[in-house]
PDB file of N, CA and C in Angstrom:
ATOM      1  N   UNK A   1     -35.421 118.062-160.728  1.00  0.00           N
ATOM      2  CA  UNK A   1     -36.738 118.758-160.597  1.00  0.00           C
ATOM      3  C   UNK A   1     -36.498 119.994-159.652  1.00  0.00           C
ATOM      4  N   UNK A   2     -37.019 121.154-160.217  1.00  0.00           N
ATOM      5  CA  UNK A   2     -36.811 122.427-159.422  1.00  0.00           C
ATOM      6  C   UNK A   2     -38.263 122.767-158.806  1.00  0.00           C
ATOM      7  N   UNK A   3     -38.240 122.930-157.468  1.00  0.00           N
ATOM      8  CA  UNK A   3     -39.528 123.246-156.746  1.00  0.00           C
ATOM      9  C   UNK A   3     -39.385 124.715-156.232  1.00  0.00           C
ATOM     10  N   UNK A   4     -40.623 125.144-155.969  1.00  0.00           N
ATOM     11  CA  UNK A   4     -40.657 126.510-155.326  1.00  0.00           C
ATOM     12  C   UNK A   4     -40.091 126.373-154.066  1.00  0.00           C
ATOM     13  N   UNK A   5     -39.614 127.476-153.518  1.00  0.00           N
ATOM     14  CA  UNK A   5     -38.898 127.449-152.180  1.00  0.00           C
ATOM     15  C   UNK A   5     -39.601 126.931-151.017  1.00  0.00           C
ATOM     16  N   UNK A   6     -40.935 127.044-151.057  1.00  0.00           N
ATOM     17  CA  UNK A   6     -41.716 126.467-149.911  1.00  0.00           C
ATOM     18  C   UNK A   6     -42.258 124.940-150.203  1.00  0.00           C
ATOM     19  N   UNK A   7     -41.858 124.419-151.280  1.00  0.00           N
ATOM     20  CA  UNK A   7     -42.287 122.929-151.657  1.00  0.00           C
ATOM     21  C   UNK A   7     -41.145 122.002-151.215  1.00  0.00           C
ATOM     22  N   UNK A   8     -41.506 120.983-150.755  1.00  0.00           N
ATOM     23  CA  UNK A   8     -40.642 119.816-150.342  1.00  0.00           C
ATOM     24  C   UNK A   8     -40.859 118.731-151.146  1.00  0.00           C
ATOM     25  N   UNK A   9     -39.858 118.181-151.770  1.00  0.00           N
ATOM     26  CA  UNK A   9     -40.011 116.831-152.591  1.00  0.00           C
ATOM     27  C   UNK A   9     -39.847 115.662-151.589  1.00  0.00           C
ATOM     28  N   UNK A  10     -40.941 115.062-151.432  1.00  0.00           N
ATOM     29  CA  UNK A  10     -41.071 113.884-150.498  1.00  0.00           C
ATOM     30  C   UNK A  10     -40.409 112.631-151.129  1.00  0.00           C
ATOM     31  N   UNK A  11     -39.919 111.766-150.224  1.00  0.00           N
ATOM     32  CA  UNK A  11     -39.479 110.495-150.554  1.00  0.00           C
ATOM     33  C   UNK A  11     -40.306 109.303-149.942  1.00  0.00           C
ATOM     34  N   UNK A  12     -40.345 108.212-150.531  1.00  0.00           N
ATOM     35  CA  UNK A  12     -41.080 107.211-150.142  1.00  0.00           C
ATOM     36  C   UNK A  12     -40.491 105.854-150.222  1.00  0.00           C
ATOM     37  N   UNK A  13     -40.755 105.179-149.112  1.00  0.00           N
ATOM     38  CA  UNK A  13     -40.280 103.668-149.050  1.00  0.00           C
ATOM     39  C   UNK A  13     -41.736 102.830-149.317  1.00  0.00           C
ATOM     40  N   UNK A  14     -41.782 101.915-150.049  1.00  0.00           N
ATOM     41  CA  UNK A  14     -43.050 101.320-150.479  1.00  0.00           C
ATOM     42  C   UNK A  14     -42.659  99.727-150.435  1.00  0.00           C
ATOM     43  N   UNK A  15     -43.731  99.051-150.323  1.00  0.00           N
ATOM     44  CA  UNK A  15     -43.767  97.631-150.306  1.00  0.00           C
ATOM     45  C   UNK A  15     -44.871  97.167-151.399  1.00  0.00           C
ATOM     46  N   UNK A  16     -44.507  96.478-152.296  1.00  0.00           N
ATOM     47  CA  UNK A  16     -45.417  95.858-153.345  1.00  0.00           C
ATOM     48  C   UNK A  16     -45.468  94.295-153.010  1.00  0.00           C
ATOM     49  N   UNK A  17     -46.639  93.687-153.396  1.00  0.00           N
ATOM     50  CA  UNK A  17     -46.697  92.259-153.337  1.00  0.00           C
ATOM     51  C   UNK A  17     -47.333  91.747-154.493  1.00  0.00           C
ATOM     52  N   UNK A  18     -46.956  90.522-154.988  1.00  0.00           N
ATOM     53  CA  UNK A  18     -47.509  89.863-156.138  1.00  0.00           C
ATOM     54  C   UNK A  18     -48.450  88.660-155.747  1.00  0.00           C
ATOM     55  N   UNK A  19     -49.060  88.061-156.660  1.00  0.00           N
ATOM     56  CA  UNK A  19     -49.964  86.986-156.436  1.00  0.00           C
ATOM     57  C   UNK A  19     -49.340  85.712-155.699  1.00  0.00           C
ATOM     58  N   UNK A  20     -48.023  85.550-155.835  1.00  0.00           N
ATOM     59  CA  UNK A  20     -47.288  84.472-155.143  1.00  0.00           C
ATOM     60  C   UNK A  20     -46.916  84.988-153.771  1.00  0.00           C
ATOM     61  N   UNK A  21     -47.422  86.052-153.291  1.00  0.00           N
ATOM     62  CA  UNK A  21     -47.234  86.666-151.952  1.00  0.00           C
ATOM     63  C   UNK A  21     -45.795  87.129-151.630  1.00  0.00           C
ATOM     64  N   UNK A  22     -45.116  87.250-152.683  1.00  0.00           N
ATOM     65  CA  UNK A  22     -43.667  87.822-152.565  1.00  0.00           C
ATOM     66  C   UNK A  22     -43.655  89.372-152.405  1.00  0.00           C
ATOM     67  N   UNK A  23     -42.932  89.847-151.659  1.00  0.00           N
ATOM     68  CA  UNK A  23     -42.644  91.216-151.345  1.00  0.00           C
ATOM     69  C   UNK A  23     -41.487  91.835-152.164  1.00  0.00           C
ATOM     70  N   UNK A  24     -41.679  93.030-152.463  1.00  0.00           N
ATOM     71  CA  UNK A  24     -40.484  93.745-153.100  1.00  0.00           C
ATOM     72  C   UNK A  24     -40.631  95.163-152.322  1.00  0.00           C
ATOM     73  N   UNK A  25     -39.492  95.548-151.838  1.00  0.00           N
ATOM     74  CA  UNK A  25     -39.310  96.822-151.165  1.00  0.00           C
ATOM     75  C   UNK A  25     -38.594  97.777-151.909  1.00  0.00           C
ATOM     76  N   UNK A  26     -38.979  99.054-152.136  1.00  0.00           N
ATOM     77  CA  UNK A  26     -38.332  99.989-152.795  1.00  0.00           C
ATOM     78  C   UNK A  26     -38.265 101.377-152.310  1.00  0.00           C
ATOM     79  N   UNK A  27     -37.712 102.293-153.035  1.00  0.00           N
ATOM     80  CA  UNK A  27     -37.707 103.681-152.551  1.00  0.00           C
ATOM     81  C   UNK A  27     -37.709 104.492-153.782  1.00  0.00           C
ATOM     82  N   UNK A  28     -38.461 105.645-153.619  1.00  0.00           N
ATOM     83  CA  UNK A  28     -38.591 106.499-154.828  1.00  0.00           C
ATOM     84  C   UNK A  28     -38.964 108.016-154.307  1.00  0.00           C
ATOM     85  N   UNK A  29     -38.950 108.876-155.206  1.00  0.00           N
ATOM     86  CA  UNK A  29     -39.473 110.313-154.999  1.00  0.00           C
ATOM     87  C   UNK A  29     -40.864 110.444-155.633  1.00  0.00           C
ATOM     88  N   UNK A  30     -41.171 109.557-156.555  1.00  0.00           N
ATOM     89  CA  UNK A  30     -42.423 109.645-157.315  1.00  0.00           C
ATOM     90  C   UNK A  30     -43.201 108.191-157.164  1.00  0.00           C
ATOM     91  N   UNK A  31     -43.976 108.087-156.186  1.00  0.00           N
ATOM     92  CA  UNK A  31     -44.553 106.807-155.877  1.00  0.00           C
ATOM     93  C   UNK A  31     -45.492 106.354-156.969  1.00  0.00           C
ATOM     94  N   UNK A  32     -46.290 107.149-157.475  1.00  0.00           N
ATOM     95  CA  UNK A  32     -47.266 106.687-158.594  1.00  0.00           C
ATOM     96  C   UNK A  32     -46.430 106.326-159.814  1.00  0.00           C
ATOM     97  N   UNK A  33     -45.532 106.970-160.226  1.00  0.00           N
ATOM     98  CA  UNK A  33     -44.830 106.719-161.402  1.00  0.00           C
ATOM     99  C   UNK A  33     -44.077 105.308-161.224  1.00  0.00           C
ATOM    100  N   UNK A  34     -43.525 105.101-160.040  1.00  0.00           N
ATOM    101  CA  UNK A  34     -42.784 104.060-159.826  1.00  0.00           C
ATOM    102  C   UNK A  34     -43.605 102.673-159.750  1.00  0.00           C
ATOM    103  N   UNK A  35     -44.797 102.741-159.151  1.00  0.00           N
ATOM    104  CA  UNK A  35     -45.712 101.675-159.154  1.00  0.00           C
ATOM    105  C   UNK A  35     -46.147 101.267-160.591  1.00  0.00           C
ATOM    106  N   UNK A  36     -46.342 102.257-161.385  1.00  0.00           N
ATOM    107  CA  UNK A  36     -46.642 102.009-162.802  1.00  0.00           C
ATOM    108  C   UNK A  36     -45.524 101.297-163.469  1.00  0.00           C
ATOM    109  N   UNK A  37     -44.266 101.708-163.262  1.00  0.00           N
ATOM    110  CA  UNK A  37     -43.157 101.062-163.775  1.00  0.00           C
ATOM    111  C   UNK A  37     -43.060  99.574-163.395  1.00  0.00           C
ATOM    112  N   UNK A  38     -43.479  99.226-162.175  1.00  0.00           N
ATOM    113  CA  UNK A  38     -43.414  97.866-161.685  1.00  0.00           C
ATOM    114  C   UNK A  38     -44.505  97.087-162.453  1.00  0.00           C
ATOM    115  N   UNK A  39     -45.736  97.777-162.659  1.00  0.00           N
ATOM    116  CA  UNK A  39     -46.792  97.041-163.223  1.00  0.00           C
ATOM    117  C   UNK A  39     -46.532  96.917-164.749  1.00  0.00           C
ATOM    118  N   UNK A  40     -45.804  97.714-165.322  1.00  0.00           N
ATOM    119  CA  UNK A  40     -45.466  97.573-166.763  1.00  0.00           C
ATOM    120  C   UNK A  40     -44.255  96.864-167.067  1.00  0.00           C
ATOM    121  N   UNK A  41     -43.521  96.247-166.046  1.00  0.00           N
ATOM    122  CA  UNK A  41     -42.340  95.420-166.308  1.00  0.00           C
ATOM    123  C   UNK A  41     -41.005  96.076-166.434  1.00  0.00           C
ATOM    124  N   UNK A  42     -41.028  97.304-165.997  1.00  0.00           N
ATOM    125  CA  UNK A  42     -39.884  98.322-166.057  1.00  0.00           C
ATOM    126  C   UNK A  42     -38.905  98.033-164.980  1.00  0.00           C
ATOM    127  N   UNK A  43     -39.299  97.341-163.744  1.00  0.00           N
ATOM    128  CA  UNK A  43     -38.484  97.133-162.696  1.00  0.00           C
ATOM    129  C   UNK A  43     -37.690  95.841-162.855  1.00  0.00           C
ATOM    130  N   UNK A  44     -36.353  95.921-162.623  1.00  0.00           N
ATOM    131  CA  UNK A  44     -35.381  94.854-163.021  1.00  0.00           C
ATOM    132  C   UNK A  44     -35.759  93.636-162.166  1.00  0.00           C
ATOM    133  N   UNK A  45     -35.997  93.629-160.910  1.00  0.00           N
ATOM    134  CA  UNK A  45     -36.322  92.417-160.141  1.00  0.00           C
ATOM    135  C   UNK A  45     -37.738  92.069-160.316  1.00  0.00           C
ATOM    136  N   UNK A  46     -38.565  92.996-160.456  1.00  0.00           N
ATOM    137  CA  UNK A  46     -39.976  92.736-160.356  1.00  0.00           C
ATOM    138  C   UNK A  46     -40.530  92.273-161.749  1.00  0.00           C
ATOM    139  N   UNK A  47     -39.689  92.543-162.761  1.00  0.00           N
ATOM    140  CA  UNK A  47     -40.144  92.106-164.241  1.00  0.00           C
ATOM    141  C   UNK A  47     -40.540  90.678-164.222  1.00  0.00           C
ATOM    142  N   UNK A  48     -41.716  90.379-165.037  1.00  0.00           N
ATOM    143  CA  UNK A  48     -42.220  89.191-165.299  1.00  0.00           C
ATOM    144  C   UNK A  48     -42.686  88.342-163.949  1.00  0.00           C
ATOM    145  N   UNK A  49     -42.652  89.057-162.846  1.00  0.00           N
ATOM    146  CA  UNK A  49     -43.129  88.320-161.568  1.00  0.00           C
ATOM    147  C   UNK A  49     -44.415  88.985-161.030  1.00  0.00           C
ATOM    148  N   UNK A  50     -45.077  89.892-161.824  1.00  0.00           N
ATOM    149  CA  UNK A  50     -46.292  90.589-161.525  1.00  0.00           C
ATOM    150  C   UNK A  50     -47.539  89.809-161.883  1.00  0.00           C
ATOM    151  N   UNK A  51     -48.761  90.331-161.577  1.00  0.00           N
ATOM    152  CA  UNK A  51     -48.982  91.727-161.292  1.00  0.00           C
ATOM    153  C   UNK A  51     -48.636  92.044-159.877  1.00  0.00           C
ATOM    154  N   UNK A  52     -48.384  93.363-159.546  1.00  0.00           N
ATOM    155  CA  UNK A  52     -47.846  93.860-158.414  1.00  0.00           C
ATOM    156  C   UNK A  52     -49.018  94.662-157.779  1.00  0.00           C
ATOM    157  N   UNK A  53     -49.060  94.715-156.432  1.00  0.00           N
ATOM    158  CA  UNK A  53     -50.111  95.571-155.839  1.00  0.00           C
ATOM    159  C   UNK A  53     -49.317  96.392-154.658  1.00  0.00           C
ATOM    160  N   UNK A  54     -49.495  97.673-154.628  1.00  0.00           N
ATOM    161  CA  UNK A  54     -48.992  98.473-153.535  1.00  0.00           C
ATOM    162  C   UNK A  54     -49.780  98.011-152.141  1.00  0.00           C
ATOM    163  N   UNK A  55     -48.885  97.538-151.135  1.00  0.00           N
ATOM    164  CA  UNK A  55     -49.592  97.226-149.972  1.00  0.00           C
ATOM    165  C   UNK A  55     -49.096  98.087-148.841  1.00  0.00           C
ATOM    166  N   UNK A  56     -48.007  99.077-149.010  1.00  0.00           N
ATOM    167  CA  UNK A  56     -47.748  99.706-147.905  1.00  0.00           C
ATOM    168  C   UNK A  56     -46.763 100.750-148.357  1.00  0.00           C
ATOM    169  N   UNK A  57     -46.690 101.934-147.786  1.00  0.00           N
ATOM    170  CA  UNK A  57     -45.712 102.981-147.960  1.00  0.00           C
ATOM    171  C   UNK A  57     -45.549 103.849-146.715  1.00  0.00           C
ATOM    172  N   UNK A  58     -44.408 104.449-146.809  1.00  0.00           N
ATOM    173  CA  UNK A  58     -43.983 105.412-145.747  1.00  0.00           C
ATOM    174  C   UNK A  58     -43.629 106.716-146.426  1.00  0.00           C
ATOM    175  N   UNK A  59     -43.836 107.852-145.857  1.00  0.00           N
ATOM    176  CA  UNK A  59     -43.360 109.032-146.510  1.00  0.00           C
ATOM    177  C   UNK A  59     -42.411 109.736-145.594  1.00  0.00           C
ATOM    178  N   UNK A  60     -41.266 110.401-146.342  1.00  0.00           N
ATOM    179  CA  UNK A  60     -40.297 111.017-145.557  1.00  0.00           C
ATOM    180  C   UNK A  60     -40.004 112.340-146.232  1.00  0.00           C
ATOM    181  N   UNK A  61     -39.447 113.224-145.504  1.00  0.00           N
ATOM    182  CA  UNK A  61     -39.275 114.519-145.981  1.00  0.00           C
ATOM    183  C   UNK A  61     -37.794 114.608-146.530  1.00  0.00           C
ATOM    184  N   UNK A  62     -36.911 113.514-146.513  1.00  0.00           N
ATOM    185  CA  UNK A  62     -35.622 113.641-147.099  1.00  0.00           C
ATOM    186  C   UNK A  62     -35.202 112.252-147.529  1.00  0.00           C
ATOM    187  N   UNK A  63     -34.318 112.279-148.586  1.00  0.00           N
ATOM    188  CA  UNK A  63     -33.861 111.011-149.267  1.00  0.00           C
ATOM    189  C   UNK A  63     -33.038 110.118-148.106  1.00  0.00           C
ATOM    190  N   UNK A  64     -32.318 110.846-147.234  1.00  0.00           N
ATOM    191  CA  UNK A  64     -31.514 110.014-146.377  1.00  0.00           C
ATOM    192  C   UNK A  64     -32.295 109.139-145.440  1.00  0.00           C
ATOM    193  N   UNK A  65     -33.405 109.722-144.857  1.00  0.00           N
ATOM    194  CA  UNK A  65     -34.150 108.876-143.930  1.00  0.00           C
ATOM    195  C   UNK A  65     -34.976 107.821-144.639  1.00  0.00           C
ATOM    196  N   UNK A  66     -35.453 108.188-145.843  1.00  0.00           N
ATOM    197  CA  UNK A  66     -36.021 107.110-146.585  1.00  0.00           C
ATOM    198  C   UNK A  66     -35.158 106.022-147.030  1.00  0.00           C
ATOM    199  N   UNK A  67     -33.899 106.235-147.449  1.00  0.00           N
ATOM    200  CA  UNK A  67     -33.055 105.295-147.878  1.00  0.00           C
ATOM    201  C   UNK A  67     -32.455 104.323-146.553  1.00  0.00           C
ATOM    202  N   UNK A  68     -32.334 104.955-145.501  1.00  0.00           N
ATOM    203  CA  UNK A  68     -32.062 104.166-144.297  1.00  0.00           C
ATOM    204  C   UNK A  68     -33.253 103.277-144.015  1.00  0.00           C
ATOM    205  N   UNK A  69     -34.358 103.747-143.995  1.00  0.00           N
ATOM    206  CA  UNK A  69     -35.565 102.868-143.761  1.00  0.00           C
ATOM    207  C   UNK A  69     -35.649 101.731-144.887  1.00  0.00           C
ATOM    208  N   UNK A  70     -35.476 102.035-146.030  1.00  0.00           N
ATOM    209  CA  UNK A  70     -35.441 100.903-147.131  1.00  0.00           C
ATOM    210  C   UNK A  70     -34.421  99.841-146.849  1.00  0.00           C
ATOM    211  N   UNK A  71     -33.190 100.389-146.456  1.00  0.00           N
ATOM    212  CA  UNK A  71     -32.153  99.350-146.262  1.00  0.00           C
ATOM    213  C   UNK A  71     -32.498  98.426-144.863  1.00  0.00           C
ATOM    214  N   UNK A  72     -33.048  99.124-143.939  1.00  0.00           N
ATOM    215  CA  UNK A  72     -33.332  98.440-142.749  1.00  0.00           C
ATOM    216  C   UNK A  72     -34.554  97.273-143.118  1.00  0.00           C
ATOM    217  N   UNK A  73     -35.452  97.700-143.847  1.00  0.00           N
ATOM    218  CA  UNK A  73     -36.473  96.675-144.271  1.00  0.00           C
ATOM    219  C   UNK A  73     -35.995  95.595-145.156  1.00  0.00           C
ATOM    220  N   UNK A  74     -34.984  95.933-145.988  1.00  0.00           N
ATOM    221  CA  UNK A  74     -34.415  94.948-146.854  1.00  0.00           C
ATOM    222  C   UNK A  74     -33.525  93.949-146.106  1.00  0.00           C
ATOM    223  N   UNK A  75     -32.743  94.584-145.051  1.00  0.00           N
ATOM    224  CA  UNK A  75     -31.869  93.707-144.345  1.00  0.00           C
ATOM    225  C   UNK A  75     -32.588  92.625-143.466  1.00  0.00           C
ATOM    226  N   UNK A  76     -33.992  93.166-143.025  1.00  0.00           N
ATOM    227  CA  UNK A  76     -34.755  92.193-142.104  1.00  0.00           C
ATOM    228  C   UNK A  76     -35.157  90.947-143.004  1.00  0.00           C
ATOM    229  N   UNK A  77     -35.342  91.119-144.216  1.00  0.00           N
ATOM    230  CA  UNK A  77     -35.813  89.841-145.049  1.00  0.00           C
ATOM    231  C   UNK A  77     -36.762  88.976-144.246  1.00  0.00           C
ATOM    232  N   UNK A  78     -37.654  89.562-143.560  1.00  0.00           N
ATOM    233  CA  UNK A  78     -38.474  88.561-142.594  1.00  0.00           C
ATOM    234  C   UNK A  78     -39.918  88.692-143.193  1.00  0.00           C
ATOM    235  N   UNK A  79     -40.456  87.683-143.819  1.00  0.00           N
ATOM    236  CA  UNK A  79     -41.727  87.648-144.334  1.00  0.00           C
ATOM    237  C   UNK A  79     -42.922  87.794-143.348  1.00  0.00           C
ATOM    238  N   UNK A  80     -42.598  87.233-142.068  1.00  0.00           N
ATOM    239  CA  UNK A  80     -43.656  87.432-141.104  1.00  0.00           C
ATOM    240  C   UNK A  80     -43.833  88.961-140.726  1.00  0.00           C
ATOM    241  N   UNK A  81     -42.707  89.544-140.495  1.00  0.00           N
ATOM    242  CA  UNK A  81     -42.620  90.914-140.120  1.00  0.00           C
ATOM    243  C   UNK A  81     -43.223  91.845-141.190  1.00  0.00           C
ATOM    244  N   UNK A  82     -42.934  91.530-142.531  1.00  0.00           N
ATOM    245  CA  UNK A  82     -43.512  92.308-143.681  1.00  0.00           C
ATOM    246  C   UNK A  82     -44.946  92.101-143.707  1.00  0.00           C
ATOM    247  N   UNK A  83     -45.524  90.864-143.545  1.00  0.00           N
ATOM    248  CA  UNK A  83     -46.852  90.510-143.469  1.00  0.00           C
ATOM    249  C   UNK A  83     -47.600  91.449-142.439  1.00  0.00           C
ATOM    250  N   UNK A  84     -47.004  91.318-141.147  1.00  0.00           N
ATOM    251  CA  UNK A  84     -47.645  92.194-140.033  1.00  0.00           C
ATOM    252  C   UNK A  84     -47.481  93.731-140.435  1.00  0.00           C
ATOM    253  N   UNK A  85     -46.409  94.183-140.964  1.00  0.00           N
ATOM    254  CA  UNK A  85     -46.251  95.684-141.209  1.00  0.00           C
ATOM    255  C   UNK A  85     -47.291  96.071-142.175  1.00  0.00           C
ATOM    256  N   UNK A  86     -47.529  95.359-143.286  1.00  0.00           N
ATOM    257  CA  UNK A  86     -48.496  95.735-144.236  1.00  0.00           C
ATOM    258  C   UNK A  86     -49.911  95.596-143.978  1.00  0.00           C
ATOM    259  N   UNK A  87     -50.212  94.949-142.929  1.00  0.00           N
ATOM    260  CA  UNK A  87     -51.578  94.834-142.351  1.00  0.00           C
ATOM    261  C   UNK A  87     -51.783  95.586-141.045  1.00  0.00           C
ATOM    262  N   UNK A  88     -50.750  95.801-140.222  1.00  0.00           N
ATOM    263  CA  UNK A  88     -50.957  96.470-138.925  1.00  0.00           C
ATOM    264  C   UNK A  88     -50.102  97.531-138.601  1.00  0.00           C
ATOM    265  N   UNK A  89     -49.125  97.657-139.380  1.00  0.00           N
ATOM    266  CA  UNK A  89     -47.952  98.514-138.959  1.00  0.00           C
ATOM    267  C   UNK A  89     -48.082 100.059-138.952  1.00  0.00           C
ATOM    268  N   UNK A  90     -47.125 100.761-138.605  1.00  0.00           N
ATOM    269  CA  UNK A  90     -47.202 102.234-138.569  1.00  0.00           C
ATOM    270  C   UNK A  90     -47.168 102.631-139.987  1.00  0.00           C
ATOM    271  N   UNK A  91     -47.411 103.838-140.419  1.00  0.00           N
ATOM    272  CA  UNK A  91     -47.331 104.344-141.715  1.00  0.00           C
ATOM    273  C   UNK A  91     -48.589 104.171-142.517  1.00  0.00           C
ATOM    274  N   UNK A  92     -48.593 103.686-143.747  1.00  0.00           N
ATOM    275  CA  UNK A  92     -49.679 103.821-144.686  1.00  0.00           C
ATOM    276  C   UNK A  92     -49.887 102.618-145.184  1.00  0.00           C
ATOM    277  N   UNK A  93     -50.542 101.687-144.525  1.00  0.00           N
ATOM    278  CA  UNK A  93     -50.993 100.362-145.123  1.00  0.00           C
ATOM    279  C   UNK A  93     -52.046 100.563-146.158  1.00  0.00           C
ATOM    280  N   UNK A  94     -52.022  99.949-147.231  1.00  0.00           N
ATOM    281  CA  UNK A  94     -52.972 100.180-148.280  1.00  0.00           C
ATOM    282  C   UNK A  94     -53.852  98.905-148.305  1.00  0.00           C
ATOM    283  N   UNK A  95     -55.189  99.269-148.143  1.00  0.00           N
ATOM    284  CA  UNK A  95     -56.147  98.047-148.062  1.00  0.00           C
ATOM    285  C   UNK A  95     -56.637  97.678-149.324  1.00  0.00           C
TER     286      UNK A  95
END
């Protein structure tokens, strides 16, 4: 994707949750498109486990920082922390 010189392509780390209260953590440069992919069964891990709801996201100005954050969240694998983060944490909790 080519952007005008003054435009920045943002990167996002997001957390979605299904009806079984399972979390999925992902990274993308197009949050709206990626959530739609999960909802329509195009995500490899999330396929047939939905419906999914976006519950949290963080915005980054570069891929490196976003990927580092995604890895950190995935390594934590702590449902208690993810529940806290999606309801109270920094960033953009989605109500």
